[in-house]
PDB file of all heavy atoms in Angstrom:
ATOM      1  N   GLY A   1      -1.330  -3.276  11.940  1.00  0.00           N
ATOM      2  CA  GLY A   1      -1.809  -3.834  10.667  1.00  0.00           C
ATOM      3  C   GLY A   1      -1.876  -2.759   9.598  1.00  0.00           C
ATOM      4  O   GLY A   1      -1.493  -2.977   8.441  1.00  0.00           O
ATOM      5  N   ALA A   2      -2.341  -1.564  10.011  1.00  0.00           N
ATOM      6  CA  ALA A   2      -2.425  -0.436   9.077  1.00  0.00           C
ATOM      7  C   ALA A   2      -1.029   0.065   8.694  1.00  0.00           C
ATOM      8  O   ALA A   2      -0.818   0.509   7.567  1.00  0.00           O
ATOM      9  CB  ALA A   2      -3.241   0.698   9.709  1.00  0.00           C
ATOM     10  N   VAL A   3      -0.071   0.000   9.630  1.00  0.00           N
ATOM     11  CA  VAL A   3       1.315   0.411   9.338  1.00  0.00           C
ATOM     12  C   VAL A   3       1.878  -0.449   8.204  1.00  0.00           C
ATOM     13  O   VAL A   3       2.540   0.053   7.291  1.00  0.00           O
ATOM     14  CB  VAL A   3       2.209   0.304  10.599  1.00  0.00           C
ATOM     15  CG1 VAL A   3       3.676   0.531  10.248  1.00  0.00           C
ATOM     16  CG2 VAL A   3       1.769   1.306  11.655  1.00  0.00           C
ATOM     17  N   GLY A   4       1.578  -1.751   8.244  1.00  0.00           N
ATOM     18  CA  GLY A   4       2.037  -2.648   7.178  1.00  0.00           C
ATOM     19  C   GLY A   4       1.334  -2.382   5.855  1.00  0.00           C
ATOM     20  O   GLY A   4       1.970  -2.126   4.832  1.00  0.00           O
ATOM     21  N   LYS A   5      -0.002  -2.407   5.862  1.00  0.00           N
ATOM     22  CA  LYS A   5      -0.773  -2.256   4.619  1.00  0.00           C
ATOM     23  C   LYS A   5      -0.625  -0.866   4.008  1.00  0.00           C
ATOM     24  O   LYS A   5      -0.530  -0.710   2.804  1.00  0.00           O
ATOM     25  CB  LYS A   5      -2.267  -2.511   4.886  1.00  0.00           C
ATOM     26  CG  LYS A   5      -2.657  -3.969   4.915  1.00  0.00           C
ATOM     27  CD  LYS A   5      -2.838  -4.550   3.533  1.00  0.00           C
ATOM     28  CE  LYS A   5      -3.349  -5.972   3.628  1.00  0.00           C
ATOM     29  NZ  LYS A   5      -2.406  -6.906   4.220  1.00  0.00           N
ATOM     30  N   SER A   6      -0.647   0.179   4.856  1.00  0.00           N
ATOM     31  CA  SER A   6      -0.582   1.546   4.333  1.00  0.00           C
ATOM     32  C   SER A   6       0.848   2.071   4.256  1.00  0.00           C
ATOM     33  O   SER A   6       1.057   3.269   4.097  1.00  0.00           O
ATOM     34  CB  SER A   6      -1.449   2.480   5.182  1.00  0.00           C
ATOM     35  OG  SER A   6      -2.820   2.251   4.930  1.00  0.00           O
ATOM     36  N   ALA A   7       1.829   1.166   4.407  1.00  0.00           N
ATOM     37  CA  ALA A   7       3.246   1.491   4.184  1.00  0.00           C
ATOM     38  C   ALA A   7       3.726   2.682   5.005  1.00  0.00           C
ATOM     39  O   ALA A   7       4.333   3.607   4.483  1.00  0.00           O
ATOM     40  CB  ALA A   7       3.490   1.734   2.689  1.00  0.00           C
ATOM     41  N   GLN A   8       3.433   2.665   6.306  1.00  0.00           N
ATOM     42  CA  GLN A   8       3.937   3.720   7.192  1.00  0.00           C
ATOM     43  C   GLN A   8       5.324   3.327   7.715  1.00  0.00           C
ATOM     44  O   GLN A   8       5.665   2.151   7.771  1.00  0.00           O
ATOM     45  CB  GLN A   8       2.970   3.914   8.374  1.00  0.00           C
ATOM     46  CG  GLN A   8       1.548   4.285   7.957  1.00  0.00           C
ATOM     47  CD  GLN A   8       1.477   5.623   7.253  1.00  0.00           C
ATOM     48  OE1 GLN A   8       1.667   6.667   7.847  1.00  0.00           O
ATOM     49  NE2 GLN A   8       1.198   5.600   5.952  1.00  0.00           N
ATOM     50  N   VAL A   9       6.109   4.320   8.109  1.00  0.00           N
ATOM     51  CA  VAL A   9       7.426   4.055   8.711  1.00  0.00           C
ATOM     52  C   VAL A   9       7.212   3.211   9.969  1.00  0.00           C
ATOM     53  O   VAL A   9       6.308   3.514  10.743  1.00  0.00           O
ATOM     54  CB  VAL A   9       8.100   5.399   9.062  1.00  0.00           C
ATOM     55  CG1 VAL A   9       9.368   5.179   9.881  1.00  0.00           C
ATOM     56  CG2 VAL A   9       8.424   6.178   7.783  1.00  0.00           C
ATOM     57  N   PRO A  10       7.947   2.132  10.230  1.00  0.00           N
ATOM     58  CA  PRO A  10       9.113   1.627   9.494  1.00  0.00           C
ATOM     59  C   PRO A  10       8.802   0.510   8.486  1.00  0.00           C
ATOM     60  O   PRO A  10       9.728  -0.081   7.945  1.00  0.00           O
ATOM     61  CB  PRO A  10       9.981   1.076  10.628  1.00  0.00           C
ATOM     62  CG  PRO A  10       8.982   0.534  11.610  1.00  0.00           C
ATOM     63  CD  PRO A  10       7.769   1.419  11.515  1.00  0.00           C
ATOM     64  N   LEU A  11       7.520   0.213   8.237  1.00  0.00           N
ATOM     65  CA  LEU A  11       7.178  -0.897   7.325  1.00  0.00           C
ATOM     66  C   LEU A  11       6.855  -0.388   5.915  1.00  0.00           C
ATOM     67  O   LEU A  11       6.103  -1.016   5.176  1.00  0.00           O
ATOM     68  CB  LEU A  11       5.994  -1.698   7.886  1.00  0.00           C
ATOM     69  CG  LEU A  11       6.209  -2.369   9.252  1.00  0.00           C
ATOM     70  CD1 LEU A  11       4.952  -3.129   9.683  1.00  0.00           C
ATOM     71  CD2 LEU A  11       7.396  -3.327   9.221  1.00  0.00           C
ATOM     72  N   HIS A  12       7.447   0.759   5.544  1.00  0.00           N
ATOM     73  CA  HIS A  12       7.158   1.358   4.238  1.00  0.00           C
ATOM     74  C   HIS A  12       8.003   0.750   3.113  1.00  0.00           C
ATOM     75  O   HIS A  12       7.773   1.044   1.949  1.00  0.00           O
ATOM     76  CB  HIS A  12       7.459   2.860   4.297  1.00  0.00           C
ATOM     77  CG  HIS A  12       8.909   3.149   4.503  1.00  0.00           C
ATOM     78  ND1 HIS A  12       9.526   2.923   5.719  1.00  0.00           N
ATOM     79  CD2 HIS A  12       9.873   3.574   3.654  1.00  0.00           C
ATOM     80  CE1 HIS A  12      10.816   3.230   5.599  1.00  0.00           C
ATOM     81  NE2 HIS A  12      11.056   3.618   4.364  1.00  0.00           N
ATOM     82  N   VAL A  13       8.966  -0.107   3.478  1.00  0.00           N
ATOM     83  CA  VAL A  13       9.999  -0.525   2.520  1.00  0.00           C
ATOM     84  C   VAL A  13       9.459  -1.354   1.347  1.00  0.00           C
ATOM     85  O   VAL A  13      10.094  -1.421   0.291  1.00  0.00           O
ATOM     86  CB  VAL A  13      11.116  -1.323   3.227  1.00  0.00           C
ATOM     87  CG1 VAL A  13      11.910  -0.419   4.162  1.00  0.00           C
ATOM     88  CG2 VAL A  13      10.533  -2.500   4.023  1.00  0.00           C
ATOM     89  N   TRP A  14       8.292  -1.974   1.498  1.00  0.00           N
ATOM     90  CA  TRP A  14       7.794  -2.856   0.430  1.00  0.00           C
ATOM     91  C   TRP A  14       7.186  -2.086  -0.741  1.00  0.00           C
ATOM     92  O   TRP A  14       7.191  -2.559  -1.874  1.00  0.00           O
ATOM     93  CB  TRP A  14       6.747  -3.836   0.985  1.00  0.00           C
ATOM     94  CG  TRP A  14       5.461  -3.204   1.440  1.00  0.00           C
ATOM     95  CD1 TRP A  14       5.172  -2.759   2.695  1.00  0.00           C
ATOM     96  CD2 TRP A  14       4.282  -2.958   0.655  1.00  0.00           C
ATOM     97  NE1 TRP A  14       3.897  -2.241   2.745  1.00  0.00           N
ATOM     98  CE2 TRP A  14       3.334  -2.351   1.507  1.00  0.00           C
ATOM     99  CE3 TRP A  14       3.956  -3.193  -0.684  1.00  0.00           C
ATOM    100  CZ2 TRP A  14       2.062  -1.966   1.058  1.00  0.00           C
ATOM    101  CZ3 TRP A  14       2.699  -2.815  -1.122  1.00  0.00           C
ATOM    102  CH2 TRP A  14       1.770  -2.212  -0.256  1.00  0.00           C
ATOM    103  N   LEU A  15       6.655  -0.887  -0.480  1.00  0.00           N
ATOM    104  CA  LEU A  15       5.810  -0.235  -1.490  1.00  0.00           C
ATOM    105  C   LEU A  15       6.571   0.167  -2.758  1.00  0.00           C
ATOM    106  O   LEU A  15       6.103  -0.123  -3.859  1.00  0.00           O
ATOM    107  CB  LEU A  15       5.078   0.963  -0.883  1.00  0.00           C
ATOM    108  CG  LEU A  15       3.922   1.420  -1.777  1.00  0.00           C
ATOM    109  CD1 LEU A  15       2.591   0.954  -1.202  1.00  0.00           C
ATOM    110  CD2 LEU A  15       3.876   2.915  -1.926  1.00  0.00           C
ATOM    111  N   PRO A  16       7.740   0.837  -2.664  1.00  0.00           N
ATOM    112  CA  PRO A  16       8.442   1.207  -3.906  1.00  0.00           C
ATOM    113  C   PRO A  16       8.860  -0.013  -4.738  1.00  0.00           C
ATOM    114  O   PRO A  16       8.767   0.013  -5.965  1.00  0.00           O
ATOM    115  CB  PRO A  16       9.667   1.981  -3.401  1.00  0.00           C
ATOM    116  CG  PRO A  16       9.254   2.489  -2.053  1.00  0.00           C
ATOM    117  CD  PRO A  16       8.398   1.410  -1.471  1.00  0.00           C
ATOM    118  N   ASP A  17       9.272  -1.097  -4.072  1.00  0.00           N
ATOM    119  CA  ASP A  17       9.659  -2.308  -4.803  1.00  0.00           C
ATOM    120  C   ASP A  17       8.463  -2.955  -5.498  1.00  0.00           C
ATOM    121  O   ASP A  17       8.623  -3.663  -6.493  1.00  0.00           O
ATOM    122  CB  ASP A  17      10.277  -3.346  -3.850  1.00  0.00           C
ATOM    123  CG  ASP A  17      11.661  -2.928  -3.381  1.00  0.00           C
ATOM    124  OD1 ASP A  17      11.961  -1.736  -3.520  1.00  0.00           O
ATOM    125  OD2 ASP A  17      12.418  -3.768  -2.878  1.00  0.00           O
ATOM    126  N   ALA A  18       7.281  -2.711  -4.959  1.00  0.00           N
ATOM    127  CA  ALA A  18       6.077  -3.338  -5.516  1.00  0.00           C
ATOM    128  C   ALA A  18       5.742  -2.797  -6.899  1.00  0.00           C
ATOM    129  O   ALA A  18       4.821  -3.275  -7.554  1.00  0.00           O
ATOM    130  CB  ALA A  18       4.892  -3.121  -4.568  1.00  0.00           C
ATOM    131  N   MET A  19       6.499  -1.809  -7.383  1.00  0.00           N
ATOM    132  CA  MET A  19       6.304  -1.281  -8.739  1.00  0.00           C
ATOM    133  C   MET A  19       6.698  -2.306  -9.808  1.00  0.00           C
ATOM    134  O   MET A  19       6.499  -2.063 -10.988  1.00  0.00           O
ATOM    135  CB  MET A  19       7.162  -0.020  -8.937  1.00  0.00           C
ATOM    136  CG  MET A  19       6.760   1.129  -8.048  1.00  0.00           C
ATOM    137  SD  MET A  19       5.057   1.608  -8.361  1.00  0.00           S
ATOM    138  CE  MET A  19       4.450   1.790  -6.716  1.00  0.00           C
ATOM    139  N   GLU A  20       7.289  -3.424  -9.381  1.00  0.00           N
ATOM    140  CA  GLU A  20       7.688  -4.468 -10.330  1.00  0.00           C
ATOM    141  C   GLU A  20       6.479  -5.147 -10.977  1.00  0.00           C
ATOM    142  O   GLU A  20       6.602  -5.792 -12.009  1.00  0.00           O
ATOM    143  CB  GLU A  20       8.558  -5.523  -9.632  1.00  0.00           C
ATOM    144  CG  GLU A  20       9.936  -5.036  -9.235  1.00  0.00           C
ATOM    145  CD  GLU A  20      10.824  -4.724 -10.438  1.00  0.00           C
ATOM    146  OE1 GLU A  20      10.561  -5.225 -11.537  1.00  0.00           O
ATOM    147  OE2 GLU A  20      11.783  -3.958 -10.255  1.00  0.00           O
ATOM    148  N   GLY A  21       5.318  -5.022 -10.353  1.00  0.00           N
ATOM    149  CA  GLY A  21       4.106  -5.605 -10.933  1.00  0.00           C
ATOM    150  C   GLY A  21       3.656  -4.794 -12.141  1.00  0.00           C
ATOM    151  O   GLY A  21       4.161  -3.698 -12.393  1.00  0.00           O
ATOM    152  N   PRO A  22       2.685  -5.292 -12.913  1.00  0.00           N
ATOM    153  CA  PRO A  22       2.142  -4.527 -14.038  1.00  0.00           C
ATOM    154  C   PRO A  22       1.607  -3.165 -13.573  1.00  0.00           C
ATOM    155  O   PRO A  22       1.087  -3.056 -12.460  1.00  0.00           O
ATOM    156  CB  PRO A  22       1.006  -5.417 -14.559  1.00  0.00           C
ATOM    157  CG  PRO A  22       1.340  -6.796 -14.074  1.00  0.00           C
ATOM    158  CD  PRO A  22       2.056  -6.614 -12.778  1.00  0.00           C
ATOM    159  N   THR A  23       1.716  -2.143 -14.422  1.00  0.00           N
ATOM    160  CA  THR A  23       1.309  -0.780 -14.027  1.00  0.00           C
ATOM    161  C   THR A  23      -0.158  -0.677 -13.589  1.00  0.00           C
ATOM    162  O   THR A  23      -0.457   0.011 -12.614  1.00  0.00           O
ATOM    163  CB  THR A  23       1.593   0.208 -15.182  1.00  0.00           C
ATOM    164  OG1 THR A  23       2.985   0.160 -15.458  1.00  0.00           O
ATOM    165  CG2 THR A  23       1.235   1.626 -14.776  1.00  0.00           C
ATOM    166  N   PRO A  24      -1.113  -1.358 -14.254  1.00  0.00           N
ATOM    167  CA  PRO A  24      -2.503  -1.278 -13.751  1.00  0.00           C
ATOM    168  C   PRO A  24      -2.627  -1.814 -12.318  1.00  0.00           C
ATOM    169  O   PRO A  24      -3.435  -1.326 -11.537  1.00  0.00           O
ATOM    170  CB  PRO A  24      -3.292  -2.159 -14.729  1.00  0.00           C
ATOM    171  CG  PRO A  24      -2.461  -2.223 -15.950  1.00  0.00           C
ATOM    172  CD  PRO A  24      -1.034  -2.128 -15.495  1.00  0.00           C
ATOM    173  N   VAL A  25      -1.790  -2.812 -11.984  1.00  0.00           N
ATOM    174  CA  VAL A  25      -1.775  -3.340 -10.617  1.00  0.00           C
ATOM    175  C   VAL A  25      -1.273  -2.270  -9.650  1.00  0.00           C
ATOM    176  O   VAL A  25      -1.784  -2.126  -8.536  1.00  0.00           O
ATOM    177  CB  VAL A  25      -0.897  -4.611 -10.535  1.00  0.00           C
ATOM    178  CG1 VAL A  25      -0.684  -5.043  -9.096  1.00  0.00           C
ATOM    179  CG2 VAL A  25      -1.529  -5.734 -11.334  1.00  0.00           C
ATOM    180  N   SER A  26      -0.273  -1.488 -10.096  1.00  0.00           N
ATOM    181  CA  SER A  26       0.219  -0.379  -9.275  1.00  0.00           C
ATOM    182  C   SER A  26      -0.918   0.584  -8.958  1.00  0.00           C
ATOM    183  O   SER A  26      -1.052   1.059  -7.837  1.00  0.00           O
ATOM    184  CB  SER A  26       1.338   0.368 -10.001  1.00  0.00           C
ATOM    185  OG  SER A  26       2.400  -0.490 -10.307  1.00  0.00           O
ATOM    186  N   ALA A  27      -1.735   0.874  -9.965  1.00  0.00           N
ATOM    187  CA  ALA A  27      -2.868   1.785  -9.759  1.00  0.00           C
ATOM    188  C   ALA A  27      -3.857   1.198  -8.762  1.00  0.00           C
ATOM    189  O   ALA A  27      -4.372   1.891  -7.888  1.00  0.00           O
ATOM    190  CB  ALA A  27      -3.561   2.065 -11.091  1.00  0.00           C
ATOM    191  N   LEU A  28      -4.098  -0.106  -8.888  1.00  0.00           N
ATOM    192  CA  LEU A  28      -5.094  -0.762  -8.033  1.00  0.00           C
ATOM    193  C   LEU A  28      -4.611  -0.881  -6.588  1.00  0.00           C
ATOM    194  O   LEU A  28      -5.322  -0.547  -5.637  1.00  0.00           O
ATOM    195  CB  LEU A  28      -5.406  -2.158  -8.595  1.00  0.00           C
ATOM    196  CG  LEU A  28      -6.536  -2.940  -7.915  1.00  0.00           C
ATOM    197  CD1 LEU A  28      -7.853  -2.204  -8.073  1.00  0.00           C
ATOM    198  CD2 LEU A  28      -6.664  -4.331  -8.505  1.00  0.00           C
ATOM    199  N   ILE A  29      -3.369  -1.352  -6.413  1.00  0.00           N
ATOM    200  CA  ILE A  29      -2.857  -1.620  -5.061  1.00  0.00           C
ATOM    201  C   ILE A  29      -2.382  -0.341  -4.384  1.00  0.00           C
ATOM    202  O   ILE A  29      -2.706  -0.062  -3.239  1.00  0.00           O
ATOM    203  CB  ILE A  29      -1.702  -2.648  -5.118  1.00  0.00           C
ATOM    204  CG1 ILE A  29      -2.235  -4.014  -5.544  1.00  0.00           C
ATOM    205  CG2 ILE A  29      -1.011  -2.757  -3.768  1.00  0.00           C
ATOM    206  CD1 ILE A  29      -1.183  -5.091  -5.646  1.00  0.00           C
ATOM    207  N   ARG A  30      -1.600   0.449  -5.115  1.00  0.00           N
ATOM    208  CA  ARG A  30      -0.940   1.588  -4.473  1.00  0.00           C
ATOM    209  C   ARG A  30      -1.794   2.835  -4.414  1.00  0.00           C
ATOM    210  O   ARG A  30      -1.521   3.737  -3.642  1.00  0.00           O
ATOM    211  CB  ARG A  30       0.364   1.909  -5.219  1.00  0.00           C
ATOM    212  CG  ARG A  30       1.580   1.384  -4.518  1.00  0.00           C
ATOM    213  CD  ARG A  30       1.724  -0.099  -4.648  1.00  0.00           C
ATOM    214  NE  ARG A  30       2.118  -0.469  -5.987  1.00  0.00           N
ATOM    215  CZ  ARG A  30       1.950  -1.667  -6.489  1.00  0.00           C
ATOM    216  NH1 ARG A  30       1.407  -2.605  -5.775  1.00  0.00           N
ATOM    217  NH2 ARG A  30       2.328  -1.954  -7.711  1.00  0.00           N
ATOM    218  N   ALA A  31      -2.799   2.964  -5.255  1.00  0.00           N
ATOM    219  CA  ALA A  31      -3.534   4.228  -5.288  1.00  0.00           C
ATOM    220  C   ALA A  31      -4.805   4.177  -4.468  1.00  0.00           C
ATOM    221  O   ALA A  31      -5.069   5.052  -3.659  1.00  0.00           O
ATOM    222  CB  ALA A  31      -3.866   4.575  -6.736  1.00  0.00           C
ATOM    223  N   ALA A  32      -5.588   3.157  -4.679  1.00  0.00           N
ATOM    224  CA  ALA A  32      -6.960   3.264  -4.216  1.00  0.00           C
ATOM    225  C   ALA A  32      -7.343   2.270  -3.153  1.00  0.00           C
ATOM    226  O   ALA A  32      -8.090   2.593  -2.242  1.00  0.00           O
ATOM    227  CB  ALA A  32      -7.880   3.060  -5.420  1.00  0.00           C
ATOM    228  N   THR A  33      -6.854   1.056  -3.255  1.00  0.00           N
ATOM    229  CA  THR A  33      -7.504   0.021  -2.458  1.00  0.00           C
ATOM    230  C   THR A  33      -6.635  -0.513  -1.340  1.00  0.00           C
ATOM    231  O   THR A  33      -6.866  -0.213  -0.180  1.00  0.00           O
ATOM    232  CB  THR A  33      -7.968  -1.118  -3.385  1.00  0.00           C
ATOM    233  OG1 THR A  33      -6.889  -1.506  -4.219  1.00  0.00           O
ATOM    234  CG2 THR A  33      -9.098  -0.657  -4.276  1.00  0.00           C
ATOM    235  N   MET A  34      -5.600  -1.269  -1.683  1.00  0.00           N
ATOM    236  CA  MET A  34      -4.859  -1.968  -0.624  1.00  0.00           C
ATOM    237  C   MET A  34      -4.267  -0.992   0.396  1.00  0.00           C
ATOM    238  O   MET A  34      -4.431  -1.172   1.603  1.00  0.00           O
ATOM    239  CB  MET A  34      -3.758  -2.819  -1.240  1.00  0.00           C
ATOM    240  CG  MET A  34      -2.921  -3.545  -0.183  1.00  0.00           C
ATOM    241  SD  MET A  34      -1.787  -4.662  -0.960  1.00  0.00           S
ATOM    242  CE  MET A  34      -0.656  -4.963   0.361  1.00  0.00           C
ATOM    243  N   VAL A  35      -3.583   0.050  -0.082  1.00  0.00           N
ATOM    244  CA  VAL A  35      -2.965   0.981   0.862  1.00  0.00           C
ATOM    245  C   VAL A  35      -4.013   1.801   1.622  1.00  0.00           C
ATOM    246  O   VAL A  35      -3.789   2.226   2.753  1.00  0.00           O
ATOM    247  CB  VAL A  35      -1.958   1.921   0.154  1.00  0.00           C
ATOM    248  CG1 VAL A  35      -0.730   1.170  -0.306  1.00  0.00           C
ATOM    249  CG2 VAL A  35      -2.603   2.651  -1.004  1.00  0.00           C
ATOM    250  N   ALA A  36      -5.183   1.978   0.991  1.00  0.00           N
ATOM    251  CA  ALA A  36      -6.263   2.697   1.670  1.00  0.00           C
ATOM    252  C   ALA A  36      -6.901   1.848   2.766  1.00  0.00           C
ATOM    253  O   ALA A  36      -7.563   2.379   3.669  1.00  0.00           O
ATOM    254  CB  ALA A  36      -7.323   3.114   0.656  1.00  0.00           C
ATOM    255  N   ALA A  37      -6.691   0.529   2.707  1.00  0.00           N
ATOM    256  CA  ALA A  37      -7.277  -0.367   3.715  1.00  0.00           C
ATOM    257  C   ALA A  37      -6.789  -0.025   5.112  1.00  0.00           C
ATOM    258  O   ALA A  37      -7.551  -0.102   6.085  1.00  0.00           O
ATOM    259  CB  ALA A  37      -6.941  -1.825   3.385  1.00  0.00           C
ATOM    260  N   GLY A  38      -5.526   0.372   5.234  1.00  0.00           N
ATOM    261  CA  GLY A  38      -4.983   0.735   6.549  1.00  0.00           C
ATOM    262  C   GLY A  38      -5.681   1.954   7.130  1.00  0.00           C
ATOM    263  O   GLY A  38      -6.023   1.992   8.316  1.00  0.00           O
ATOM    264  N   VAL A  39      -5.898   2.960   6.280  1.00  0.00           N
ATOM    265  CA  VAL A  39      -6.604   4.175   6.720  1.00  0.00           C
ATOM    266  C   VAL A  39      -8.037   3.823   7.110  1.00  0.00           C
ATOM    267  O   VAL A  39      -8.559   4.296   8.116  1.00  0.00           O
ATOM    268  CB  VAL A  39      -6.583   5.246   5.604  1.00  0.00           C
ATOM    269  CG1 VAL A  39      -7.276   6.525   6.059  1.00  0.00           C
ATOM    270  CG2 VAL A  39      -5.158   5.539   5.162  1.00  0.00           C
ATOM    271  N   TYR A  40      -8.666   2.958   6.293  1.00  0.00           N
ATOM    272  CA  TYR A  40     -10.040   2.530   6.580  1.00  0.00           C
ATOM    273  C   TYR A  40     -10.113   1.788   7.915  1.00  0.00           C
ATOM    274  O   TYR A  40     -11.054   1.992   8.699  1.00  0.00           O
ATOM    275  CB  TYR A  40     -10.536   1.620   5.441  1.00  0.00           C
ATOM    276  CG  TYR A  40     -11.936   1.093   5.655  1.00  0.00           C
ATOM    277  CD1 TYR A  40     -13.045   1.898   5.405  1.00  0.00           C
ATOM    278  CD2 TYR A  40     -12.154  -0.200   6.121  1.00  0.00           C
ATOM    279  CE1 TYR A  40     -14.332   1.424   5.614  1.00  0.00           C
ATOM    280  CE2 TYR A  40     -13.428  -0.686   6.330  1.00  0.00           C
ATOM    281  CZ  TYR A  40     -14.522   0.130   6.070  1.00  0.00           C
ATOM    282  OH  TYR A  40     -15.795  -0.340   6.280  1.00  0.00           O
ATOM    283  N   LEU A  41      -9.108   0.946   8.208  1.00  0.00           N
ATOM    284  CA  LEU A  41      -9.074   0.206   9.471  1.00  0.00           C
ATOM    285  C   LEU A  41      -9.016   1.168  10.663  1.00  0.00           C
ATOM    286  O   LEU A  41      -9.752   1.012  11.633  1.00  0.00           O
ATOM    287  CB  LEU A  41      -7.866  -0.737   9.497  1.00  0.00           C
ATOM    288  CG  LEU A  41      -7.571  -1.428  10.836  1.00  0.00           C
ATOM    289  CD1 LEU A  41      -8.698  -2.393  11.211  1.00  0.00           C
ATOM    290  CD2 LEU A  41      -6.241  -2.182  10.804  1.00  0.00           C
ATOM    291  N   VAL A  42      -8.120   2.175  10.580  1.00  0.00           N
ATOM    292  CA  VAL A  42      -8.003   3.153  11.676  1.00  0.00           C
ATOM    293  C   VAL A  42      -9.317   3.911  11.841  1.00  0.00           C
ATOM    294  O   VAL A  42      -9.769   4.182  12.964  1.00  0.00           O
ATOM    295  CB  VAL A  42      -6.830   4.129  11.434  1.00  0.00           C
ATOM    296  CG1 VAL A  42      -6.717   5.136  12.574  1.00  0.00           C
ATOM    297  CG2 VAL A  42      -5.514   3.368  11.297  1.00  0.00           C
ATOM    298  N   ALA A  43      -9.974   4.236  10.717  1.00  0.00           N
ATOM    299  CA  ALA A  43     -11.268   4.931  10.786  1.00  0.00           C
ATOM    300  C   ALA A  43     -12.328   4.042  11.458  1.00  0.00           C
ATOM    301  O   ALA A  43     -13.160   4.525  12.228  1.00  0.00           O
ATOM    302  CB  ALA A  43     -11.723   5.314   9.380  1.00  0.00           C
TER     303      ALA A  43
END
């Protein structure tokens, strides 16, 4: 689950394409919260 959310190999392919959203969304999803959820799950 963390491999998918935190964009680890081999499920990393979605993250660069996700830049198509508005830039503030990029900050929210890619920087702080959604991708950090995977790390939080492992912790």
